[in-house]
Each structure stands twice: as C-alpha cells, then as structure tokens.
C-alpha cells in the first residue's frame, strides 16, 4: 500500500479490515436506497476510504441499475437528494478500506456489469489469493479491466459462468468454487439478491428481515440499526438466494465444521461490539480476552484502562477478573475523519494527541494497566505509554488482547510483511523496552478458541499456519498506482 494512503488513516498502528457489504430486497416495492445508506452507516468502521450503493427496480426496465459511489465516508458521499434519485426495491451497498488495489474512485464498489445476460452488481469483502492468475487468464481471453481490485475478477467469473448456468445463483456458486481466499459477497441481479460466503467463513455475513423485506449484511449491528430482526448467519461455503418466493440455500460448497477458519480479528478488533458473529457475541469475546489476560498476566496496580474503542471491553474484563477498578483514562476525538492530515514531523502536534488525550485526574499518582487490542508496527504504543507517564501515572503496564503478530495476512486484513512487524525477531522483553512499559503481556494463542467459544478460527497471522496454502509470492497491493 502506498505511503500517502497509509497516512490518510488515523489508526496508524492498527490492522485494517477491507470492507463491509449490505444488500436489501423489499418485496412490497418500496425504495431501499435510504435504508441501505443507514446499513452502511452502521458498517462504517469496516471501511472509510470509499462507499457506494447500486439499486434496481424489479418491476421496471430489466437491467437498469442506478448507482452512486465516491471517496469518503457514507455521510460525505451521499446527500438526501442523491438518495431520493435512487429508485429501486432491490439494491446493494459497500464501504471500503483497500488492502489490494489503489485508493481511487474507480475501485469504489459496488461494481456494476452490463453483459449479454443483462446486468450484475456486486459488492465484496475479503481478499483472494489466486486473483493474479484468474485475472491473467481473463486478460488473455480479451477481458478489459476497469479497476485494480480482485472484486472485478469475481464479477467477471460470475458473468462468464452465467452464460452456461440456468440461474445467477448457480453462476455465483460455480465462480465461488474457482476463487480461493476470503470472500463475503452480495450480488444483485434484476430479480434476485444473492449472498455467498467462502468455505472457510473468513468474513462474516448474515440475513435479516424487516416487514416484507430481507437484508444481507456483514454484521448484525447493521440489521439492528435499521430495525430489522436477525434471521440467521450465512454458513461458510453457503450461497443464499432471496426472491419473493423465499430464501433458497445451496450448501454444496460447505466444508466440515473443523475446516472452517473465521478471522479471529473480527472478535478482537474489527466488528462492532454490539454485533454477533456465528452466534458469538463480539462484546462477550472481548470481555473474555480481558479476563484471560488477568488470569495469565496478573500485575498489582490501581487502575485498569482501555485504549478506545476496542480495548475498552477487554479492559472491563480484566477489571472484573482481577478486582482492580476500571476507569477512563483516554478522551477520544470523534471528529477525526478519513481525510485527517497527519502532522509533519516538524510540527509540534502529535497525531496521537490529536486523536487521543489523557485524563490526568484519572491516572495521576496511579499504577495503570493499559489494555489495547494489538501492536502491529509499534509506532504509536510508545507515545500512548509516554502520554500516561506525562499525565502522572507512576507505572504503566501494557496488556494486549491478542497474541503477537508474526506473519502477514493474505485474506483481507491489512497486516504487513514480517519485517514491518514489531514482534518479528524480537522478544516480549525487547518490545516492552521499545514501548517504554513497566511490563508487557499478550493473550496466549491457546486462549483464542475459548475467546471464540469453540468456533474454528484462523490464527495464521500469529502462527504462520494458514487454513490454505498462502500464495508463493506476496502480491498484495501489486496493482496499486
């Protein structure tokens, strides 16, 4: 990923998710664009670079799709007027943070394809590990790509398979059997809404219902935001088709349970705490992580605090288990958006202080346990520790609610190559000295399954053992401009 794009993000030392998807079909014929807008608003944490919505009228001219997308946050890209112009009772939406493909408007989703069978709109969360080979195969048979994202490779393959399939859902299933990696898809055809999840279940996807309308969303929090009831999770490997006749399920690609491999970082960091993924509460998982840290890495202190937002629940769990009071030490500026300009080194403003400030009254004269969800490169942890000391904390003990990152991720989480990871070739004591903490403890790998209540998970970024063979070469970001 190029340097300028990294600096657009305020969470400089956090892993980033790739995307959030949302689809809706209203069988009563009501327009869905404004509801999709609010669904995307609830998924904004999954991607802040670009967003888009595509809608169609199932009773209107077949193949007419209205779409609107752009760079920025949901409330920056859409206006009341732009939403009112989008007429349609079926539609899909997308929020994006790019791990592969440059941060440009061309790469914003949903993608809309016009082909011999009509139109197809697609939104994708995840990352393919065989995108390069699939793309080259398509290019050598005359395909012309408009974007640099692997989502377009998926769209092309669905369109190709549709030519020899009876239905669009069959085409989606056939394409899904060819692509390797992580994907949660919502696909809109003129009369159907299709959702598909990769056989490992890396990325979450669920179904909701409100009145006579159905939704497919990355997280349950998006359903609750629009007043929809949760119906169920889409299974790893499942292809779901929603039409006025009901929900049709194809489970032919579903693997045995033990082969599933959900991204554990959904529970640690990515998902909103009010979401449930595959029946497990994200909030409860984070509370558990904090409890485990207190059991396995205890320390005598006066106060437990979390680094907002995802460190807060783990800090509460640590407090509950240890009996050490839980408090608030950080005030977060909620108005730092995607276009935040990182202060130059010559400026006195610290990018960390612009985002986060310390409540001196809360920490002065106290031994503080600071809980955070991860340390990637280690570029901000030392500054946060120093801020606590400057505010009067007598000791700062850091606890991390995930194991150390030792390997990159190829499945849609922006964890960089090994040499950029602070834990690579360093001991925990080395890292403690670098960040300036009095002590440092990580969540043990053995605790991860307990945290996810026994679900099968992917731990590749901690162990180097991936659920599928990683690519021979790291091509993430290869197509970036």
Protein backbone atom coordinates (compact mmCIF):
# COMPACT_ATOMS: atom_id res chain seq x y z
CA UNK A 1 0.00 0.00 0.00
CA UNK A 2 1.47 3.36 -0.89
CA UNK A 3 2.65 5.69 1.82
CA UNK A 4 0.22 8.55 1.18
CA UNK A 5 -2.73 6.28 1.53
CA UNK A 6 -1.50 4.96 4.87
CA UNK A 7 -1.22 8.48 6.22
CA UNK A 8 -4.89 9.13 5.48
CA UNK A 9 -5.76 6.79 8.32
CA UNK A 10 -5.78 7.89 11.90
CA UNK A 11 -5.33 4.37 13.34
CA UNK A 12 -1.71 4.28 12.22
CA UNK A 13 -0.75 1.16 14.14
CA UNK A 14 -3.91 -0.89 13.82
CA UNK A 15 -4.80 -3.66 11.42
CA UNK A 16 -7.49 -2.63 8.96
CA UNK A 17 -10.40 -4.57 7.58
CA UNK A 18 -11.17 -4.47 3.93
CA UNK A 19 -14.89 -3.83 3.58
CA UNK A 20 -18.47 -4.06 4.69
CA UNK A 21 -21.38 -5.15 2.50
CA UNK A 22 -25.13 -4.69 2.71
CA UNK A 23 -27.95 -5.85 0.43
CA UNK A 24 -31.72 -5.42 0.56
CA UNK A 25 -34.79 -6.61 -1.34
CA UNK A 26 -38.19 -5.10 -0.45
CA UNK A 27 -40.98 -7.34 -1.74
CA UNK A 28 -43.54 -4.56 -1.29
CA UNK A 29 -41.73 -2.47 -3.90
CA UNK A 30 -40.51 0.30 -1.58
CA UNK A 31 -37.28 2.14 -2.38
CA UNK A 32 -34.32 0.66 -0.49
CA UNK A 33 -31.53 3.23 -1.03
CA UNK A 34 -32.06 5.19 2.19
CA UNK A 35 -32.21 2.00 4.29
CA UNK A 36 -29.01 0.72 2.65
CA UNK A 37 -27.45 4.10 3.50
CA UNK A 38 -28.20 3.59 7.21
CA UNK A 39 -26.98 -0.01 7.00
CA UNK A 40 -23.67 1.21 5.57
CA UNK A 41 -23.51 3.90 8.23
CA UNK A 42 -23.57 1.13 10.86
CA UNK A 43 -20.76 -0.67 8.98
CA UNK A 44 -18.61 2.45 8.55
CA UNK A 45 -15.97 1.05 10.92
CA UNK A 46 -15.20 -1.64 8.33
CA UNK A 47 -14.00 0.85 5.73
CA UNK A 48 -13.66 4.61 5.48
CA UNK A 49 -12.00 5.17 2.10
CA UNK A 50 -14.94 4.89 -0.26
CA UNK A 51 -18.53 3.73 -0.40
CA UNK A 52 -21.35 3.18 -2.86
CA UNK A 53 -24.91 2.00 -3.45
CA UNK A 54 -26.48 0.39 -6.54
CA UNK A 55 -30.26 -0.14 -6.87
CA UNK A 56 -32.69 -1.50 -9.42
CA UNK A 57 -36.48 -1.69 -9.89
CA UNK A 58 -37.55 -5.31 -10.21
CA UNK A 59 -40.74 -4.24 -12.00
CA UNK A 60 -39.02 -1.60 -14.10
CA UNK A 61 -36.92 -1.90 -17.26
CA UNK A 62 -34.88 -5.09 -16.86
CA UNK A 63 -31.21 -4.32 -16.45
CA UNK A 64 -31.49 -0.66 -15.44
CA UNK A 65 -29.22 -0.04 -12.44
CA UNK A 66 -28.78 3.31 -10.72
CA UNK A 67 -25.57 3.67 -8.76
CA UNK A 68 -23.76 6.34 -6.81
CA UNK A 69 -20.30 5.99 -5.23
CA UNK A 70 -17.35 8.09 -4.24
CA UNK A 71 -14.36 8.60 -1.98
CA UNK A 72 -15.07 9.36 1.66
CA UNK A 73 -17.39 8.46 4.49
CA UNK A 74 -21.01 7.46 3.92
CA UNK A 75 -22.36 10.82 5.09
CA UNK A 76 -19.84 12.64 2.86
CA UNK A 77 -20.63 10.73 -0.35
CA UNK A 78 -24.44 10.67 -0.09
CA UNK A 79 -26.92 13.51 0.27
CA UNK A 80 -30.68 13.48 0.73
CA UNK A 81 -31.04 14.43 -2.93
CA UNK A 82 -28.73 11.71 -4.24
CA UNK A 83 -30.60 9.06 -2.23
CA UNK A 84 -34.01 10.28 -3.40
CA UNK A 85 -32.90 9.95 -7.02
CA UNK A 86 -32.07 6.28 -6.48
CA UNK A 87 -35.32 4.48 -7.24
CA UNK A 88 -35.38 0.75 -6.70
CA UNK A 89 -36.73 -2.03 -4.48
CA UNK A 90 -33.56 -4.12 -4.66
CA UNK A 91 -30.05 -2.89 -4.01
CA UNK A 92 -26.60 -3.44 -2.55
CA UNK A 93 -24.09 -1.20 -0.79
CA UNK A 94 -20.43 -1.21 0.18
CA UNK A 95 -17.89 0.54 2.41
CA UNK A 96 -14.24 0.04 1.54
CA UNK A 97 -10.82 0.06 3.05
CA UNK A 98 -8.35 -1.25 0.48
CA UNK A 99 -5.80 -3.97 1.13
CA UNK A 100 -5.36 -4.75 -2.56
CA UNK A 101 -5.87 -2.14 -5.26
CA UNK A 102 -5.28 1.57 -5.05
CA UNK A 103 -7.44 4.02 -3.13
CA UNK A 104 -9.21 5.59 -6.11
CA UNK A 105 -12.80 6.25 -7.12
CA UNK A 106 -12.54 3.63 -9.89
CA UNK A 107 -12.03 0.97 -7.23
CA UNK A 108 -15.07 2.01 -5.19
CA UNK A 109 -17.87 -0.56 -5.09
CA UNK A 110 -20.47 -1.87 -5.85
CA UNK A 111 -19.27 -2.89 -9.31
CA UNK A 112 -21.96 -2.84 -12.00
CA UNK A 113 -21.51 -5.04 -15.09
CA UNK A 114 -23.55 -4.99 -18.26
CA UNK A 115 -23.18 -8.25 -20.15
CA UNK A 116 -25.05 -10.49 -22.57
CA UNK A 117 -27.44 -11.80 -19.88
CA UNK A 118 -28.29 -8.31 -18.57
CA UNK A 119 -26.78 -6.61 -15.54
CA UNK A 120 -24.97 -7.72 -12.45
CA UNK A 121 -23.96 -5.65 -9.41
CA UNK A 122 -21.51 -6.97 -6.86
CA UNK A 123 -20.02 -5.93 -3.50
CA UNK A 124 -17.19 -7.92 -1.95
CA UNK A 125 -15.46 -8.12 1.42
CA UNK A 126 -12.24 -10.10 1.56
CA UNK A 127 -9.11 -10.87 -0.40
CA UNK A 128 -8.36 -13.56 -2.99
CA UNK A 129 -5.02 -15.35 -3.08
CA UNK A 130 -5.41 -16.51 -6.70
CA UNK A 131 -6.63 -13.20 -8.12
CA UNK A 132 -3.46 -12.68 -10.15
CA UNK A 133 -3.76 -15.99 -12.05
CA UNK A 134 -7.50 -15.57 -12.58
CA UNK A 135 -7.00 -12.02 -13.81
CA UNK A 136 -4.29 -13.03 -16.26
CA UNK A 137 -6.46 -15.85 -17.62
CA UNK A 138 -9.25 -13.38 -18.25
CA UNK A 139 -6.95 -10.78 -19.81
CA UNK A 140 -5.52 -13.32 -22.26
CA UNK A 141 -9.03 -14.10 -23.44
CA UNK A 142 -9.82 -10.44 -24.11
CA UNK A 143 -11.17 -9.13 -20.80
CA UNK A 144 -10.60 -5.42 -20.23
CA UNK A 145 -10.45 -4.39 -16.57
CA UNK A 146 -11.70 -1.03 -15.34
CA UNK A 147 -10.31 -1.41 -11.79
CA UNK A 148 -7.30 -2.85 -9.98
CA UNK A 149 -9.32 -4.84 -7.41
CA UNK A 150 -9.85 -8.57 -7.19
CA UNK A 151 -13.59 -7.99 -6.79
CA UNK A 152 -13.77 -7.30 -10.54
CA UNK A 153 -12.18 -10.72 -11.16
CA UNK A 154 -15.05 -12.28 -9.17
CA UNK A 155 -17.65 -10.29 -11.12
CA UNK A 156 -16.17 -11.37 -14.45
CA UNK A 157 -16.18 -15.01 -13.42
CA UNK A 158 -19.80 -14.84 -12.29
CA UNK A 159 -20.74 -13.24 -15.63
CA UNK A 160 -18.84 -15.95 -17.53
CA UNK A 161 -20.40 -18.77 -15.53
CA UNK A 162 -23.83 -17.24 -16.02
CA UNK A 163 -23.58 -17.93 -19.77
CA UNK A 164 -23.60 -21.68 -19.08
CA UNK A 165 -25.77 -21.71 -15.93
CA UNK A 166 -29.54 -21.84 -15.58
CA UNK A 167 -29.60 -19.25 -12.79
CA UNK A 168 -27.49 -16.45 -11.39
CA UNK A 169 -27.09 -18.31 -8.08
CA UNK A 170 -25.66 -21.30 -9.92
CA UNK A 171 -23.21 -18.95 -11.62
CA UNK A 172 -22.22 -17.49 -8.24
CA UNK A 173 -21.64 -21.00 -6.85
CA UNK A 174 -19.55 -22.02 -9.86
CA UNK A 175 -17.45 -18.86 -9.60
CA UNK A 176 -17.09 -19.36 -5.85
CA UNK A 177 -15.63 -22.84 -6.45
CA UNK A 178 -12.87 -21.30 -8.61
CA UNK A 179 -11.79 -18.40 -6.42
CA UNK A 180 -9.51 -19.01 -3.46
CA UNK A 181 -9.29 -16.86 -0.38
CA UNK A 182 -11.68 -14.81 1.71
CA UNK A 183 -14.95 -13.51 0.37
CA UNK A 184 -18.32 -12.39 1.59
CA UNK A 185 -20.38 -11.36 -1.44
CA UNK A 186 -23.68 -9.69 -2.11
CA UNK A 187 -24.79 -9.91 -5.74
CA UNK A 188 -27.78 -8.15 -7.29
CA UNK A 189 -29.36 -9.45 -10.46
CA UNK A 190 -32.54 -7.91 -11.93
CA UNK A 191 -34.85 -10.11 -9.82
CA UNK A 192 -32.66 -11.73 -7.16
CA UNK A 193 -30.43 -10.87 -4.22
CA UNK A 194 -27.64 -13.41 -3.68
CA UNK A 195 -25.25 -13.74 -0.75
CA UNK A 196 -22.19 -16.00 -0.68
CA UNK A 197 -19.54 -16.75 1.92
CA UNK A 198 -16.23 -18.50 1.34
CA UNK A 199 -15.96 -22.11 2.60
CA UNK A 200 -13.65 -21.10 5.46
CA UNK A 201 -16.04 -18.40 6.68
CA UNK A 202 -13.20 -15.87 7.00
CA UNK A 203 -15.60 -12.94 6.70
CA UNK A 204 -19.00 -12.69 8.42
CA UNK A 205 -22.33 -12.48 6.58
CA UNK A 206 -25.87 -12.69 7.93
CA UNK A 207 -29.53 -12.39 6.93
CA UNK A 208 -32.12 -10.02 8.41
CA UNK A 209 -35.81 -9.26 7.90
CA UNK A 210 -37.97 -6.17 8.39
CA UNK A 211 -41.64 -6.25 7.45
CA UNK A 212 -41.72 -7.68 3.92
CA UNK A 213 -38.06 -7.01 3.14
CA UNK A 214 -34.90 -9.09 3.55
CA UNK A 215 -31.32 -7.91 4.06
CA UNK A 216 -27.86 -9.43 3.82
CA UNK A 217 -25.19 -7.69 5.91
CA UNK A 218 -21.62 -8.08 7.11
CA UNK A 219 -22.66 -7.61 10.75
CA UNK A 220 -25.79 -7.89 12.87
CA UNK A 221 -25.31 -4.32 14.14
CA UNK A 222 -26.37 -3.08 10.68
CA UNK A 223 -29.64 -5.01 10.99
CA UNK A 224 -30.38 -3.57 14.42
CA UNK A 225 -29.65 -0.04 13.20
CA UNK A 226 -32.46 -0.25 10.63
CA UNK A 227 -34.88 -2.04 12.95
CA UNK A 228 -34.58 -5.43 11.26
CA UNK A 229 -34.62 -8.74 13.07
CA UNK A 230 -31.75 -11.17 12.74
CA UNK A 231 -32.78 -14.31 10.82
CA UNK A 232 -29.53 -16.30 10.73
CA UNK A 233 -25.88 -16.33 9.73
CA UNK A 234 -24.97 -17.46 6.24
CA UNK A 235 -22.88 -20.62 6.65
CA UNK A 236 -19.27 -20.84 5.50
CA UNK A 237 -19.48 -22.02 1.87
CA UNK A 238 -23.21 -21.30 1.56
CA UNK A 239 -24.85 -19.46 -1.34
CA UNK A 240 -28.20 -17.89 -0.40
CA UNK A 241 -30.75 -16.57 -2.90
CA UNK A 242 -33.53 -14.19 -1.85
CA UNK A 243 -36.61 -13.76 -4.05
CA UNK A 244 -40.32 -13.10 -3.30
CA UNK A 245 -40.68 -16.90 -3.24
CA UNK A 246 -38.43 -17.02 -0.17
CA UNK A 247 -34.85 -17.91 0.77
CA UNK A 248 -33.11 -20.66 -1.18
CA UNK A 249 -29.91 -22.21 0.14
CA UNK A 250 -27.11 -24.05 -1.67
CA UNK A 251 -24.70 -25.75 0.76
CA UNK A 252 -22.77 -27.85 -1.76
CA UNK A 253 -19.56 -25.91 -1.05
CA UNK A 254 -19.90 -26.07 2.75
CA UNK A 255 -16.96 -27.89 4.37
CA UNK A 256 -16.90 -29.99 7.54
CA UNK A 257 -17.09 -27.78 10.65
CA UNK A 258 -13.48 -28.45 11.62
CA UNK A 259 -12.24 -26.97 8.31
CA UNK A 260 -13.86 -23.59 8.93
CA UNK A 261 -11.47 -20.74 9.72
CA UNK A 262 -13.09 -17.49 10.78
CA UNK A 263 -10.85 -14.45 11.12
CA UNK A 264 -10.27 -14.15 14.88
CA UNK A 265 -9.74 -10.41 14.45
CA UNK A 266 -13.46 -9.93 13.88
CA UNK A 267 -13.84 -10.76 17.57
CA UNK A 268 -10.71 -8.96 18.77
CA UNK A 269 -10.96 -5.72 16.84
CA UNK A 270 -12.87 -5.37 13.55
CA UNK A 271 -16.50 -5.98 14.38
CA UNK A 272 -18.60 -3.58 16.38
CA UNK A 273 -19.02 -4.81 19.97
CA UNK A 274 -22.81 -4.96 19.59
CA UNK A 275 -22.56 -7.49 16.75
CA UNK A 276 -22.91 -11.26 16.98
CA UNK A 277 -20.90 -13.38 14.52
CA UNK A 278 -21.87 -17.02 14.03
CA UNK A 279 -23.77 -16.97 17.28
CA UNK A 280 -20.97 -15.48 19.37
CA UNK A 281 -21.20 -12.01 20.94
CA UNK A 282 -18.24 -9.80 20.00
CA UNK A 283 -18.58 -7.90 23.28
CA UNK A 284 -18.54 -11.11 25.32
CA UNK A 285 -15.45 -12.30 23.41
CA UNK A 286 -13.59 -9.12 24.32
CA UNK A 287 -14.65 -9.37 27.96
CA UNK A 288 -13.30 -12.94 27.95
CA UNK A 289 -9.99 -11.81 26.42
CA UNK A 290 -9.58 -9.32 29.26
CA UNK A 291 -10.41 -11.97 31.86
CA UNK A 292 -7.83 -14.33 30.34
CA UNK A 293 -5.19 -11.58 30.44
CA UNK A 294 -5.91 -11.02 34.13
CA UNK A 295 -5.60 -14.76 34.80
CA UNK A 296 -2.45 -15.31 32.74
CA UNK A 297 -0.63 -11.94 33.10
CA UNK A 298 -1.61 -10.53 36.51
CA UNK A 299 0.01 -7.41 37.91
CA UNK A 300 -0.53 -5.33 41.05
CA UNK A 301 -1.98 -1.96 40.07
CA UNK A 302 -4.55 0.71 40.97
CA UNK A 303 -6.48 1.19 37.72
CA UNK A 304 -7.36 -0.69 34.51
CA UNK A 305 -7.99 1.40 31.38
CA UNK A 306 -8.69 0.58 27.74
CA UNK A 307 -7.39 2.26 24.60
CA UNK A 308 -10.61 3.24 22.79
CA UNK A 309 -12.62 1.73 21.34
CA UNK A 310 -11.85 -1.98 21.10
CA UNK A 311 -9.59 -2.01 24.16
CA UNK A 312 -12.43 -0.90 26.45
CA UNK A 313 -14.34 -4.18 26.73
CA UNK A 314 -11.15 -6.17 27.29
CA UNK A 315 -10.14 -3.68 30.00
CA UNK A 316 -13.51 -4.17 31.67
CA UNK A 317 -12.97 -7.95 31.56
CA UNK A 318 -9.51 -7.55 33.13
CA UNK A 319 -11.03 -5.41 35.88
CA UNK A 320 -13.85 -7.89 36.55
CA UNK A 321 -11.42 -10.79 36.87
CA UNK A 322 -8.70 -9.00 38.86
CA UNK A 323 -10.86 -6.81 41.09
CA UNK A 324 -8.77 -3.77 40.13
CA UNK A 325 -11.04 -0.76 39.42
CA UNK A 326 -11.91 0.02 35.80
CA UNK A 327 -11.62 3.63 34.72
CA UNK A 328 -11.47 6.01 31.77
CA UNK A 329 -8.05 7.43 31.01
CA UNK A 330 -8.46 8.49 27.38
CA UNK A 331 -10.72 11.02 25.72
CA UNK A 332 -11.13 10.28 22.03
CA UNK A 333 -11.80 12.94 19.42
CA UNK A 334 -14.74 11.54 17.49
CA UNK A 335 -14.44 14.08 14.68
CA UNK A 336 -11.19 12.87 13.17
CA UNK A 337 -12.38 11.57 9.80
CA UNK A 338 -10.86 9.81 6.85
CA UNK A 339 -9.23 12.97 5.49
CA UNK A 340 -7.24 13.66 8.65
CA UNK A 341 -3.92 15.28 7.68
CA UNK A 342 -1.10 13.71 9.60
CA UNK A 343 1.05 16.42 11.24
CA UNK A 344 4.53 16.70 9.76
CA UNK A 345 7.45 15.69 11.93
CA UNK A 346 8.47 19.35 12.04
CA UNK A 347 5.15 20.27 13.67
CA UNK A 348 4.70 20.05 17.42
CA UNK A 349 1.25 18.47 17.07
CA UNK A 350 1.30 14.73 17.66
CA UNK A 351 -1.08 12.71 15.51
CA UNK A 352 -1.74 10.52 18.55
CA UNK A 353 -2.59 13.51 20.75
CA UNK A 354 -4.93 14.90 18.11
CA UNK A 355 -6.87 11.67 18.25
CA UNK A 356 -6.45 10.77 21.90
CA UNK A 357 -5.93 12.76 25.07
CA UNK A 358 -5.29 11.60 28.62
CA UNK A 359 -7.41 12.50 31.65
CA UNK A 360 -4.63 13.47 34.06
CA UNK A 361 -7.04 13.45 37.02
CA UNK A 362 -7.78 9.76 36.41
CA UNK A 363 -4.19 8.49 36.27
CA UNK A 364 -2.07 10.86 38.35
CA UNK A 365 -0.15 9.01 41.06
CA UNK A 366 -1.55 5.63 39.99
CA UNK A 367 -0.19 2.37 38.72
CA UNK A 368 -2.08 1.88 35.48
CA UNK A 369 -2.81 -1.27 33.46
CA UNK A 370 -3.43 -0.20 29.85
CA UNK A 371 -5.30 -2.70 27.64
CA UNK A 372 -5.05 -2.48 23.86
CA UNK A 373 -6.17 -4.95 21.19
CA UNK A 374 -2.91 -5.23 19.22
CA UNK A 375 0.52 -3.87 18.45
CA UNK A 376 1.37 -4.08 14.75
CA UNK A 377 4.42 -1.95 13.98
CA UNK A 378 4.71 -0.38 17.42
CA UNK A 379 4.61 3.14 16.04
CA UNK A 380 2.05 4.53 18.50
CA UNK A 381 2.22 2.35 21.63
CA UNK A 382 5.33 4.13 22.93
CA UNK A 383 3.63 7.51 22.55
CA UNK A 384 0.50 6.38 24.38
CA UNK A 385 2.59 4.98 27.23
CA UNK A 386 4.54 8.25 27.39
CA UNK A 387 1.29 10.24 27.47
CA UNK A 388 0.16 8.29 30.54
CA UNK A 389 3.50 8.91 32.26
CA UNK A 390 3.41 12.62 31.34
CA UNK A 391 -0.06 12.76 32.92
CA UNK A 392 1.34 11.46 36.20
CA UNK A 393 0.96 7.66 36.05
CA UNK A 394 3.65 6.13 38.28
CA UNK A 395 3.66 2.79 36.44
CA UNK A 396 2.26 1.72 33.06
CA UNK A 397 1.66 -2.00 32.50
CA UNK A 398 0.54 -2.89 28.96
CA UNK A 399 -1.65 -5.89 28.21
CA UNK A 400 -2.62 -6.85 24.65
CA UNK A 401 -5.84 -8.78 23.94
CA UNK A 402 -4.28 -10.71 21.04
CA UNK A 403 -1.07 -12.70 20.58
CA UNK A 404 1.96 -11.06 18.90
CA UNK A 405 1.71 -10.61 15.12
CA UNK A 406 4.45 -12.69 13.49
CA UNK A 407 3.12 -13.34 9.98
CA UNK A 408 1.27 -11.35 7.30
CA UNK A 409 -2.39 -11.91 6.42
CA UNK A 410 -3.42 -12.74 2.84
CA UNK A 411 -7.16 -12.86 3.46
CA UNK A 412 -8.31 -9.26 3.71
CA UNK A 413 -6.69 -7.95 6.89
CA UNK A 414 -4.01 -5.34 6.36
CA UNK A 415 -1.20 -6.97 8.35
CA UNK A 416 2.07 -6.14 6.58
CA UNK A 417 5.11 -8.21 5.68
CA UNK A 418 7.05 -9.76 8.56
CA UNK A 419 9.95 -7.32 8.72
CA UNK A 420 7.50 -4.46 9.47
CA UNK A 421 6.01 -6.26 12.48
CA UNK A 422 7.44 -5.19 15.84
CA UNK A 423 7.24 -8.76 17.20
CA UNK A 424 9.28 -10.21 14.32
CA UNK A 425 12.72 -11.29 15.60
CA UNK A 426 12.08 -9.60 18.97
CA UNK A 427 11.28 -10.97 22.40
CA UNK A 428 8.45 -9.61 24.52
CA UNK A 429 11.12 -8.00 26.70
CA UNK A 430 12.54 -6.25 23.60
CA UNK A 431 9.09 -4.90 22.74
CA UNK A 432 8.49 -3.81 26.35
CA UNK A 433 11.65 -1.72 26.24
CA UNK A 434 10.76 -0.21 22.86
CA UNK A 435 7.31 0.95 24.02
CA UNK A 436 8.59 2.01 27.45
CA UNK A 437 6.16 -0.03 29.57
CA UNK A 438 6.90 -1.36 33.04
CA UNK A 439 5.59 -4.75 31.95
CA UNK A 440 4.02 -6.25 28.82
CA UNK A 441 1.77 -9.26 28.38
CA UNK A 442 -0.06 -10.71 25.38
CA UNK A 443 -3.05 -13.01 25.13
CA UNK A 444 -1.83 -16.57 24.61
CA UNK A 445 -2.64 -18.37 21.36
CA UNK A 446 -4.23 -21.19 23.37
CA UNK A 447 -6.91 -18.79 24.63
CA UNK A 448 -8.20 -17.82 21.16
CA UNK A 449 -10.60 -20.75 20.71
CA UNK A 450 -12.03 -20.14 24.18
CA UNK A 451 -12.49 -16.50 23.30
CA UNK A 452 -14.48 -17.53 20.19
CA UNK A 453 -16.49 -20.09 22.21
CA UNK A 454 -15.02 -23.07 20.40
CA UNK A 455 -15.59 -21.90 16.82
CA UNK A 456 -12.97 -22.89 14.25
CA UNK A 457 -10.78 -19.85 13.61
CA UNK A 458 -7.81 -18.70 11.52
CA UNK A 459 -4.66 -17.97 13.54
CA UNK A 460 -2.30 -17.58 10.58
CA UNK A 461 -1.04 -14.10 11.48
CA UNK A 462 0.13 -15.45 14.85
CA UNK A 463 1.37 -18.93 13.91
CA UNK A 464 2.21 -18.85 10.19
CA UNK A 465 -0.11 -21.86 9.73
CA UNK A 466 -2.85 -20.82 7.33
CA UNK A 467 -6.05 -22.76 6.56
CA UNK A 468 -4.99 -22.88 2.91
CA UNK A 469 -1.65 -22.65 1.16
CA UNK A 470 -0.65 -18.96 1.02
CA UNK A 471 0.47 -17.50 -2.32
CA UNK A 472 4.06 -18.25 -3.33
CA UNK A 473 4.66 -14.52 -3.63
CA UNK A 474 3.05 -11.70 -1.70
CA UNK A 475 1.12 -9.82 -4.40
CA UNK A 476 -0.97 -7.68 -2.05
CA UNK A 477 -1.07 -4.15 -3.43
CA UNK A 478 0.60 -5.20 -6.70
CA UNK A 479 -1.89 -3.28 -8.81
CA UNK A 480 -1.67 -0.10 -6.78
CA UNK A 481 -0.90 3.14 -8.54
